[in-house]
PDB file of N, CA and C in Angstrom:
ATOM      1  N   MET A   1      27.159  10.061-104.397  1.00  0.00           N
ATOM      2  CA  MET A   1      27.320   8.269-103.514  1.00  0.00           C
ATOM      3  C   MET A   1      25.884   7.930-102.884  1.00  0.00           C
ATOM      4  N   ARG A   2      26.345   6.714-103.042  1.00  0.00           N
ATOM      5  CA  ARG A   2      24.575   6.406-103.519  1.00  0.00           C
ATOM      6  C   ARG A   2      24.479   4.493-101.707  1.00  0.00           C
ATOM      7  N   LYS A   3      23.520   4.697-101.403  1.00  0.00           N
ATOM      8  CA  LYS A   3      23.411   3.721-100.321  1.00  0.00           C
ATOM      9  C   LYS A   3      23.936   2.465-101.216  1.00  0.00           C
ATOM     10  N   LEU A   4      24.565   1.697-100.366  1.00  0.00           N
ATOM     11  CA  LEU A   4      24.487   0.363-100.502  1.00  0.00           C
ATOM     12  C   LEU A   4      23.959  -0.348 -99.813  1.00  0.00           C
ATOM     13  N   GLY A   5      24.166  -0.556 -98.629  1.00  0.00           N
ATOM     14  CA  GLY A   5      23.304  -1.364 -97.274  1.00  0.00           C
ATOM     15  C   GLY A   5      23.772  -0.940 -96.185  1.00  0.00           C
ATOM     16  N   THR A   6      23.473  -1.870 -95.195  1.00  0.00           N
ATOM     17  CA  THR A   6      24.174  -2.281 -94.040  1.00  0.00           C
ATOM     18  C   THR A   6      25.409  -2.965 -93.750  1.00  0.00           C
ATOM     19  N   ALA A   7      26.373  -2.212 -93.447  1.00  0.00           N
ATOM     20  CA  ALA A   7      27.290  -3.095 -92.772  1.00  0.00           C
ATOM     21  C   ALA A   7      27.137  -4.404 -92.188  1.00  0.00           C
ATOM     22  N   LEU A   8      27.149  -5.307 -92.069  1.00  0.00           N
ATOM     23  CA  LEU A   8      27.231  -6.496 -90.375  1.00  0.00           C
ATOM     24  C   LEU A   8      28.020  -6.566 -89.352  1.00  0.00           C
ATOM     25  N   HIS A   9      28.815  -7.175 -90.214  1.00  0.00           N
ATOM     26  CA  HIS A   9      30.756  -7.485 -89.532  1.00  0.00           C
ATOM     27  C   HIS A   9      31.549  -7.762 -90.208  1.00  0.00           C
ATOM     28  N   ILE A  10      32.223  -7.787 -89.494  1.00  0.00           N
ATOM     29  CA  ILE A  10      34.062  -8.320 -90.194  1.00  0.00           C
ATOM     30  C   ILE A  10      33.725  -9.699 -89.692  1.00  0.00           C
ATOM     31  N   SER A  11      34.322 -10.187 -91.464  1.00  0.00           N
ATOM     32  CA  SER A  11      34.571 -11.751 -90.940  1.00  0.00           C
ATOM     33  C   SER A  11      35.997 -12.229 -90.597  1.00  0.00           C
ATOM     34  N   ARG A  12      36.186 -13.407 -90.604  1.00  0.00           N
ATOM     35  CA  ARG A  12      37.071 -13.824 -90.205  1.00  0.00           C
ATOM     36  C   ARG A  12      38.275 -13.617 -91.040  1.00  0.00           C
ATOM     37  N   SER A  13      38.008 -13.819 -91.940  1.00  0.00           N
ATOM     38  CA  SER A  13      39.622 -12.740 -93.566  1.00  0.00           C
ATOM     39  C   SER A  13      39.766 -11.903 -92.966  1.00  0.00           C
ATOM     40  N   GLY A  14      38.639 -10.909 -92.617  1.00  0.00           N
ATOM     41  CA  GLY A  14      39.202  -9.262 -92.313  1.00  0.00           C
ATOM     42  C   GLY A  14      38.733  -8.351 -92.836  1.00  0.00           C
ATOM     43  N   ASN A  15      37.421  -8.953 -94.007  1.00  0.00           N
ATOM     44  CA  ASN A  15      36.173  -8.146 -95.151  1.00  0.00           C
ATOM     45  C   ASN A  15      35.380  -7.662 -94.546  1.00  0.00           C
ATOM     46  N   ILE A  16      34.923  -6.399 -94.560  1.00  0.00           N
ATOM     47  CA  ILE A  16      33.824  -6.190 -93.962  1.00  0.00           C
ATOM     48  C   ILE A  16      32.638  -6.884 -94.792  1.00  0.00           C
ATOM     49  N   ILE A  17      31.435  -7.474 -93.853  1.00  0.00           N
ATOM     50  CA  ILE A  17      30.234  -8.084 -95.090  1.00  0.00           C
ATOM     51  C   ILE A  17      29.574  -6.612 -95.329  1.00  0.00           C
ATOM     52  N   VAL A  18      28.213  -6.661 -95.505  1.00  0.00           N
ATOM     53  CA  VAL A  18      28.011  -5.426 -96.137  1.00  0.00           C
ATOM     54  C   VAL A  18      26.234  -6.464 -96.967  1.00  0.00           C
ATOM     55  N   LYS A  19      25.366  -5.688 -96.508  1.00  0.00           N
ATOM     56  CA  LYS A  19      23.905  -5.873 -96.540  1.00  0.00           C
ATOM     57  C   LYS A  19      23.725  -5.713 -97.645  1.00  0.00           C
ATOM     58  N   ILE A  20      23.407  -5.783 -98.828  1.00  0.00           N
ATOM     59  CA  ILE A  20      22.773  -4.725-100.369  1.00  0.00           C
ATOM     60  C   ILE A  20      21.574  -4.444-100.457  1.00  0.00           C
ATOM     61  N   GLU A  21      20.987  -2.993-100.193  1.00  0.00           N
ATOM     62  CA  GLU A  21      19.928  -3.187 -99.921  1.00  0.00           C
ATOM     63  C   GLU A  21      19.232  -2.057-101.324  1.00  0.00           C
ATOM     64  N   GLN A  22      20.139  -2.586-102.301  1.00  0.00           N
ATOM     65  CA  GLN A  22      19.888  -1.560-103.034  1.00  0.00           C
ATOM     66  C   GLN A  22      18.955  -2.425-104.557  1.00  0.00           C
ATOM     67  N   ARG A  23      19.169  -2.389-105.957  1.00  0.00           N
ATOM     68  CA  ARG A  23      17.990  -3.257-106.740  1.00  0.00           C
ATOM     69  C   ARG A  23      19.598  -3.947-107.697  1.00  0.00           C
ATOM     70  N   GLY A  24      20.262  -2.947-107.738  1.00  0.00           N
ATOM     71  CA  GLY A  24      21.642  -3.993-108.822  1.00  0.00           C
ATOM     72  C   GLY A  24      22.805  -3.898-107.637  1.00  0.00           C
ATOM     73  N   PRO A  25      23.731  -4.842-107.747  1.00  0.00           N
ATOM     74  CA  PRO A  25      24.745  -4.528-106.720  1.00  0.00           C
ATOM     75  C   PRO A  25      25.734  -3.684-107.441  1.00  0.00           C
ATOM     76  N   PRO A  26      26.839  -3.127-106.709  1.00  0.00           N
ATOM     77  CA  PRO A  26      27.448  -2.446-107.016  1.00  0.00           C
ATOM     78  C   PRO A  26      28.164  -3.022-108.596  1.00  0.00           C
ATOM     79  N   PRO A  27      29.156  -2.284-109.697  1.00  0.00           N
ATOM     80  CA  PRO A  27      30.655  -2.621-109.669  1.00  0.00           C
ATOM     81  C   PRO A  27      31.889  -2.720-109.070  1.00  0.00           C
ATOM     82  N   LEU A  28      32.616  -4.066-109.214  1.00  0.00           N
ATOM     83  CA  LEU A  28      33.610  -4.616-108.412  1.00  0.00           C
ATOM     84  C   LEU A  28      34.540  -2.863-108.441  1.00  0.00           C
ATOM     85  N   GLY A  29      34.934  -2.811-107.300  1.00  0.00           N
ATOM     86  CA  GLY A  29      36.363  -1.960-107.329  1.00  0.00           C
ATOM     87  C   GLY A  29      35.574  -0.735-106.637  1.00  0.00           C
ATOM     88  N   SER A  30      34.156  -0.628-106.196  1.00  0.00           N
ATOM     89  CA  SER A  30      33.502   1.114-105.715  1.00  0.00           C
ATOM     90  C   SER A  30      34.197   1.182-105.069  1.00  0.00           C
ATOM     91  N   ARG A  31      34.498   2.559-104.107  1.00  0.00           N
ATOM     92  CA  ARG A  31      35.258   2.802-102.411  1.00  0.00           C
ATOM     93  C   ARG A  31      33.871   2.788-101.681  1.00  0.00           C
ATOM     94  N   VAL A  32      33.939   2.625-101.131  1.00  0.00           N
ATOM     95  CA  VAL A  32      32.839   2.376 -99.662  1.00  0.00           C
ATOM     96  C   VAL A  32      33.118   3.588 -98.548  1.00  0.00           C
ATOM     97  N   PHE A  33      31.790   4.263 -98.294  1.00  0.00           N
ATOM     98  CA  PHE A  33      31.928   4.736 -97.086  1.00  0.00           C
ATOM     99  C   PHE A  33      30.972   4.167 -95.868  1.00  0.00           C
ATOM    100  N   ASP A  34      31.448   5.169 -94.692  1.00  0.00           N
ATOM    101  CA  ASP A  34      30.509   4.595 -93.513  1.00  0.00           C
ATOM    102  C   ASP A  34      30.176   6.594 -93.772  1.00  0.00           C
ATOM    103  N   ARG A  35      28.241   6.326 -92.563  1.00  0.00           N
ATOM    104  CA  ARG A  35      27.420   7.501 -92.583  1.00  0.00           C
ATOM    105  C   ARG A  35      28.730   9.104 -92.244  1.00  0.00           C
ATOM    106  N   ASP A  36      30.129   8.216 -91.929  1.00  0.00           N
ATOM    107  CA  ASP A  36      31.091  10.257 -91.645  1.00  0.00           C
ATOM    108  C   ASP A  36      31.502  10.402 -92.576  1.00  0.00           C
ATOM    109  N   LEU A  37      31.382   9.074 -94.004  1.00  0.00           N
ATOM    110  CA  LEU A  37      32.270   9.390 -94.940  1.00  0.00           C
ATOM    111  C   LEU A  37      33.055   9.533 -94.761  1.00  0.00           C
ATOM    112  N   ARG A  38      33.849   8.216 -93.854  1.00  0.00           N
ATOM    113  CA  ARG A  38      35.252   8.372 -93.977  1.00  0.00           C
ATOM    114  C   ARG A  38      35.936   6.946 -95.318  1.00  0.00           C
ATOM    115  N   ARG A  39      36.668   6.565 -95.527  1.00  0.00           N
ATOM    116  CA  ARG A  39      37.077   5.428 -96.770  1.00  0.00           C
ATOM    117  C   ARG A  39      37.132   3.950 -95.547  1.00  0.00           C
ATOM    118  N   LEU A  40      35.691   3.147 -95.883  1.00  0.00           N
ATOM    119  CA  LEU A  40      36.642   2.083 -95.681  1.00  0.00           C
ATOM    120  C   LEU A  40      37.236   1.044 -95.980  1.00  0.00           C
ATOM    121  N   GLY A  41      36.926   1.106 -97.788  1.00  0.00           N
ATOM    122  CA  GLY A  41      37.690   0.258 -98.461  1.00  0.00           C
ATOM    123  C   GLY A  41      36.967   0.290 -99.644  1.00  0.00           C
ATOM    124  N   VAL A  42      37.160  -1.209-100.729  1.00  0.00           N
ATOM    125  CA  VAL A  42      36.888  -1.195-101.515  1.00  0.00           C
ATOM    126  C   VAL A  42      36.103  -2.632-101.936  1.00  0.00           C
ATOM    127  N   VAL A  43      34.547  -3.144-102.327  1.00  0.00           N
ATOM    128  CA  VAL A  43      33.966  -3.555-103.162  1.00  0.00           C
ATOM    129  C   VAL A  43      35.416  -5.430-103.588  1.00  0.00           C
ATOM    130  N   VAL A  44      34.967  -6.412-103.171  1.00  0.00           N
ATOM    131  CA  VAL A  44      35.770  -7.307-104.421  1.00  0.00           C
ATOM    132  C   VAL A  44      35.100  -8.217-104.421  1.00  0.00           C
ATOM    133  N   ASP A  45      34.055  -8.085-103.997  1.00  0.00           N
ATOM    134  CA  ASP A  45      32.937  -9.667-104.039  1.00  0.00           C
ATOM    135  C   ASP A  45      31.528  -9.391-103.683  1.00  0.00           C
ATOM    136  N   ILE A  46      31.292 -10.156-104.599  1.00  0.00           N
ATOM    137  CA  ILE A  46      29.218 -10.227-104.516  1.00  0.00           C
ATOM    138  C   ILE A  46      29.134 -11.918-103.810  1.00  0.00           C
ATOM    139  N   ILE A  47      28.649 -11.990-102.735  1.00  0.00           N
ATOM    140  CA  ILE A  47      28.671 -12.999-102.280  1.00  0.00           C
ATOM    141  C   ILE A  47      27.188 -13.360-102.063  1.00  0.00           C
ATOM    142  N   GLY A  48      26.290 -14.226-101.825  1.00  0.00           N
ATOM    143  CA  GLY A  48      24.190 -14.900-101.907  1.00  0.00           C
ATOM    144  C   GLY A  48      24.088 -14.918-102.793  1.00  0.00           C
ATOM    145  N   PRO A  49      23.021 -15.059-102.462  1.00  0.00           N
ATOM    146  CA  PRO A  49      21.672 -15.336-103.277  1.00  0.00           C
ATOM    147  C   PRO A  49      21.739 -14.012-104.642  1.00  0.00           C
ATOM    148  N   ILE A  50      20.521 -14.188-105.443  1.00  0.00           N
ATOM    149  CA  ILE A  50      20.193 -12.651-106.414  1.00  0.00           C
ATOM    150  C   ILE A  50      19.060 -12.115-104.902  1.00  0.00           C
ATOM    151  N   SER A  51      18.769 -12.729-105.186  1.00  0.00           N
ATOM    152  CA  SER A  51      17.312 -12.337-103.801  1.00  0.00           C
ATOM    153  C   SER A  51      18.008 -11.487-102.860  1.00  0.00           C
ATOM    154  N   SER A  52      19.016 -11.946-102.144  1.00  0.00           N
ATOM    155  CA  SER A  52      19.391 -10.986-100.951  1.00  0.00           C
ATOM    156  C   SER A  52      20.661 -11.141-101.823  1.00  0.00           C
ATOM    157  N   PRO A  53      21.684 -10.104-102.232  1.00  0.00           N
ATOM    158  CA  PRO A  53      23.189 -10.235-102.531  1.00  0.00           C
ATOM    159  C   PRO A  53      23.349  -9.865-101.234  1.00  0.00           C
ATOM    160  N   TYR A  54      25.080  -9.632-100.717  1.00  0.00           N
ATOM    161  CA  TYR A  54      26.362  -9.255 -99.908  1.00  0.00           C
ATOM    162  C   TYR A  54      27.152  -8.858-100.836  1.00  0.00           C
ATOM    163  N   ALA A  55      27.611  -7.805 -99.967  1.00  0.00           N
ATOM    164  CA  ALA A  55      29.273  -7.090-100.806  1.00  0.00           C
ATOM    165  C   ALA A  55      29.781  -7.367-100.078  1.00  0.00           C
ATOM    166  N   VAL A  56      31.180  -8.127-100.491  1.00  0.00           N
ATOM    167  CA  VAL A  56      32.813  -8.353 -99.232  1.00  0.00           C
ATOM    168  C   VAL A  56      33.933  -7.181 -99.461  1.00  0.00           C
ATOM    169  N   VAL A  57      34.207  -6.505 -98.504  1.00  0.00           N
ATOM    170  CA  VAL A  57      34.541  -5.377 -98.926  1.00  0.00           C
ATOM    171  C   VAL A  57      36.185  -5.282 -98.244  1.00  0.00           C
ATOM    172  N   LYS A  58      36.580  -5.124 -99.040  1.00  0.00           N
ATOM    173  CA  LYS A  58      38.261  -4.836 -98.239  1.00  0.00           C
ATOM    174  C   LYS A  58      38.801  -4.118 -98.066  1.00  0.00           C
ATOM    175  N   PRO A  59      39.373  -3.697 -95.987  1.00  0.00           N
ATOM    176  CA  PRO A  59      39.401  -2.286 -95.981  1.00  0.00           C
ATOM    177  C   PRO A  59      40.734  -1.824 -96.414  1.00  0.00           C
ATOM    178  N   GLU A  60      40.588  -1.001 -95.689  1.00  0.00           N
ATOM    179  CA  GLU A  60      41.391  -0.111 -96.643  1.00  0.00           C
ATOM    180  C   GLU A  60      42.616  -0.427 -95.692  1.00  0.00           C
ATOM    181  N   SER A  61      43.006  -0.081 -94.840  1.00  0.00           N
ATOM    182  CA  SER A  61      43.802  -0.308 -93.062  1.00  0.00           C
ATOM    183  C   SER A  61      43.348  -0.733 -91.923  1.00  0.00           C
ATOM    184  N   SER A  62      44.031  -1.730 -91.284  1.00  0.00           N
ATOM    185  CA  SER A  62      44.088  -2.411 -89.964  1.00  0.00           C
ATOM    186  C   SER A  62      43.465  -1.624 -89.284  1.00  0.00           C
ATOM    187  N   GLU A  63      43.363   0.613 -89.393  1.00  0.00           N
ATOM    188  CA  GLU A  63      42.386   1.313 -88.100  1.00  0.00           C
ATOM    189  C   GLU A  63      40.913   1.411 -89.154  1.00  0.00           C
ATOM    190  N   VAL A  64      40.442   0.681 -90.025  1.00  0.00           N
ATOM    191  CA  VAL A  64      39.239   0.595 -90.302  1.00  0.00           C
ATOM    192  C   VAL A  64      38.535  -0.699 -89.703  1.00  0.00           C
ATOM    193  N   LYS A  65      39.265  -1.456 -89.082  1.00  0.00           N
ATOM    194  CA  LYS A  65      38.958  -2.389 -88.140  1.00  0.00           C
ATOM    195  C   LYS A  65      38.397  -2.659 -86.719  1.00  0.00           C
ATOM    196  N   LEU A  66      39.657  -1.727 -86.997  1.00  0.00           N
ATOM    197  CA  LEU A  66      38.979  -1.125 -85.377  1.00  0.00           C
ATOM    198  C   LEU A  66      38.391  -0.440 -85.481  1.00  0.00           C
ATOM    199  N   LEU A  67      37.985   1.054 -86.011  1.00  0.00           N
ATOM    200  CA  LEU A  67      37.042   1.683 -85.772  1.00  0.00           C
ATOM    201  C   LEU A  67      36.127   1.429 -86.432  1.00  0.00           C
ATOM    202  N   PHE A  68      35.418   0.125 -87.194  1.00  0.00           N
ATOM    203  CA  PHE A  68      34.092  -0.214 -87.412  1.00  0.00           C
ATOM    204  C   PHE A  68      33.093  -0.451 -86.129  1.00  0.00           C
ATOM    205  N   GLU A  69      32.369   0.094 -87.036  1.00  0.00           N
ATOM    206  CA  GLU A  69      30.882   0.403 -86.181  1.00  0.00           C
ATOM    207  C   GLU A  69      29.813  -0.111 -87.597  1.00  0.00           C
ATOM    208  N   PRO A  70      28.459  -0.801 -86.856  1.00  0.00           N
ATOM    209  CA  PRO A  70      27.925  -1.351 -88.240  1.00  0.00           C
ATOM    210  C   PRO A  70      26.984  -0.944 -88.111  1.00  0.00           C
ATOM    211  N   GLY A  71      25.947  -0.627 -89.483  1.00  0.00           N
ATOM    212  CA  GLY A  71      25.937   0.945 -89.754  1.00  0.00           C
ATOM    213  C   GLY A  71      25.238   1.255 -91.344  1.00  0.00           C
ATOM    214  N   PRO A  72      24.828   2.459 -91.404  1.00  0.00           N
ATOM    215  CA  PRO A  72      24.398   2.160 -92.922  1.00  0.00           C
ATOM    216  C   PRO A  72      25.860   2.745 -93.944  1.00  0.00           C
ATOM    217  N   VAL A  73      26.566   1.909 -94.771  1.00  0.00           N
ATOM    218  CA  VAL A  73      27.892   2.007 -95.884  1.00  0.00           C
ATOM    219  C   VAL A  73      27.232   2.833 -96.645  1.00  0.00           C
ATOM    220  N   TYR A  74      28.158   3.935 -97.504  1.00  0.00           N
ATOM    221  CA  TYR A  74      28.233   4.529 -99.699  1.00  0.00           C
ATOM    222  C   TYR A  74      28.738   4.522 -99.777  1.00  0.00           C
ATOM    223  N   TYR A  75      28.277   4.031-101.466  1.00  0.00           N
ATOM    224  CA  TYR A  75      29.968   4.462-102.432  1.00  0.00           C
ATOM    225  C   TYR A  75      29.561   4.857-103.135  1.00  0.00           C
ATOM    226  N   SER A  76      31.022   4.826-104.026  1.00  0.00           N
ATOM    227  CA  SER A  76      30.800   5.644-104.840  1.00  0.00           C
ATOM    228  C   SER A  76      31.546   4.575-105.976  1.00  0.00           C
ATOM    229  N   LEU A  77      31.444   5.073-107.661  1.00  0.00           N
ATOM    230  CA  LEU A  77      32.154   4.565-108.955  1.00  0.00           C
ATOM    231  C   LEU A  77      33.353   4.527-108.408  1.00  0.00           C
ATOM    232  N   PRO A  78      33.468   3.200-109.272  1.00  0.00           N
ATOM    233  CA  PRO A  78      35.406   3.235-109.564  1.00  0.00           C
ATOM    234  C   PRO A  78      35.891   4.292-109.854  1.00  0.00           C
ATOM    235  N   ARG A  79      36.731   4.616-110.308  1.00  0.00           N
ATOM    236  CA  ARG A  79      37.476   5.380-111.115  1.00  0.00           C
ATOM    237  C   ARG A  79      37.823   5.226-112.055  1.00  0.00           C
ATOM    238  N   ARG A  80      37.605   5.641-113.233  1.00  0.00           N
ATOM    239  CA  ARG A  80      38.017   5.465-114.692  1.00  0.00           C
ATOM    240  C   ARG A  80      40.235   4.850-114.766  1.00  0.00           C
ATOM    241  N   GLN A  81      40.438   3.581-115.186  1.00  0.00           N
ATOM    242  CA  GLN A  81      41.888   3.938-115.121  1.00  0.00           C
ATOM    243  C   GLN A  81      41.604   4.107-117.079  1.00  0.00           C
ATOM    244  N   ILE A  82      42.795   5.351-116.671  1.00  0.00           N
ATOM    245  CA  ILE A  82      42.672   5.819-118.368  1.00  0.00           C
ATOM    246  C   ILE A  82      44.394   5.581-118.667  1.00  0.00           C
ATOM    247  N   ARG A  83      44.186   4.611-119.614  1.00  0.00           N
ATOM    248  CA  ARG A  83      45.664   4.542-119.967  1.00  0.00           C
ATOM    249  C   ARG A  83      46.296   5.027-121.118  1.00  0.00           C
ATOM    250  N   ARG A  84      47.215   5.883-121.065  1.00  0.00           N
ATOM    251  CA  ARG A  84      47.989   6.636-121.852  1.00  0.00           C
ATOM    252  C   ARG A  84      48.877   6.082-122.969  1.00  0.00           C
ATOM    253  N   ARG A  85      48.371   5.844-123.879  1.00  0.00           N
ATOM    254  CA  ARG A  85      49.700   5.804-124.605  1.00  0.00           C
ATOM    255  C   ARG A  85      50.731   6.061-125.413  1.00  0.00           C
ATOM    256  N   GLY A  86      51.261   5.808-125.471  1.00  0.00           N
ATOM    257  CA  GLY A  86      53.059   6.155-126.039  1.00  0.00           C
ATOM    258  C   GLY A  86      52.441   6.527-127.589  1.00  0.00           C
ATOM    259  N   ARG A  87      52.682   7.982-127.710  1.00  0.00           N
ATOM    260  CA  ARG A  87      52.668   8.321-129.141  1.00  0.00           C
ATOM    261  C   ARG A  87      53.416   7.792-130.245  1.00  0.00           C
ATOM    262  N   GLN A  88      53.122   6.794-131.196  1.00  0.00           N
ATOM    263  CA  GLN A  88      52.895   6.126-131.926  1.00  0.00           C
ATOM    264  C   GLN A  88      53.817   7.169-133.039  1.00  0.00           C
ATOM    265  N   ARG A  89      55.096   6.570-132.835  1.00  0.00           N
ATOM    266  CA  ARG A  89      55.724   7.409-134.785  1.00  0.00           C
ATOM    267  C   ARG A  89      56.069   6.758-135.397  1.00  0.00           C
ATOM    268  N   ARG A  90      55.321   7.644-136.691  1.00  0.00           N
ATOM    269  CA  ARG A  90      55.251   6.985-137.602  1.00  0.00           C
ATOM    270  C   ARG A  90      56.175   7.035-138.728  1.00  0.00           C
ATOM    271  N   LYS A  91      56.884   6.057-139.562  1.00  0.00           N
ATOM    272  CA  LYS A  91      58.233   5.503-140.720  1.00  0.00           C
ATOM    273  C   LYS A  91      57.434   7.043-141.145  1.00  0.00           C
ATOM    274  N   LYS A  92      58.313   8.068-141.710  1.00  0.00           N
ATOM    275  CA  LYS A  92      58.221   8.397-143.019  1.00  0.00           C
ATOM    276  C   LYS A  92      58.912   7.772-144.660  1.00  0.00           C
ATOM    277  N   SER A  93      57.111   7.951-145.094  1.00  0.00           N
ATOM    278  CA  SER A  93      57.846   6.930-146.365  1.00  0.00           C
ATOM    279  C   SER A  93      58.511   7.881-147.515  1.00  0.00           C
ATOM    280  N   ARG A  94      59.451   7.954-148.317  1.00  0.00           N
ATOM    281  CA  ARG A  94      59.753   8.336-149.373  1.00  0.00           C
ATOM    282  C   ARG A  94      59.164   8.119-150.534  1.00  0.00           C
ATOM    283  N   ARG A  95      58.615   8.695-151.355  1.00  0.00           N
ATOM    284  CA  ARG A  95      57.942   9.457-152.637  1.00  0.00           C
ATOM    285  C   ARG A  95      58.703   9.831-153.335  1.00  0.00           C
ATOM    286  N   LYS A  96      59.542   9.415-154.545  1.00  0.00           N
ATOM    287  CA  LYS A  96      59.913  10.402-155.445  1.00  0.00           C
ATOM    288  C   LYS A  96      59.423   9.745-157.030  1.00  0.00           C
TER     289      LYS A  96
END
C-alpha cells in the first residue's frame, strides 16, 4: 500500500476527487482505500496539470458515498489479468 494523497470531495457525477501527493500518478485501475483500509473504489482517470494532478476514483458502491470523509487515501497496484489460453491441439502429421 502506498499513499495516494488526500480525498477532497465527491463530484457531481458521483466520483471521488483525490489530490495526488506522490511523484508519479498511480496506474489506472489501482484500488483505493481510506485510512481504515476500507475499499473506496478504483482510479479511472488522472486530471489537472502535470505539476499538481488529481485522481478520479469511481466508488465501489453507493455506501461509499454515504461513508465518505475527506482525508488521506492509499492505493495498491491493480491485479494483473491473467488470460488463460486453451491448450492448442496440433494435428499430427503422418510421415511415411
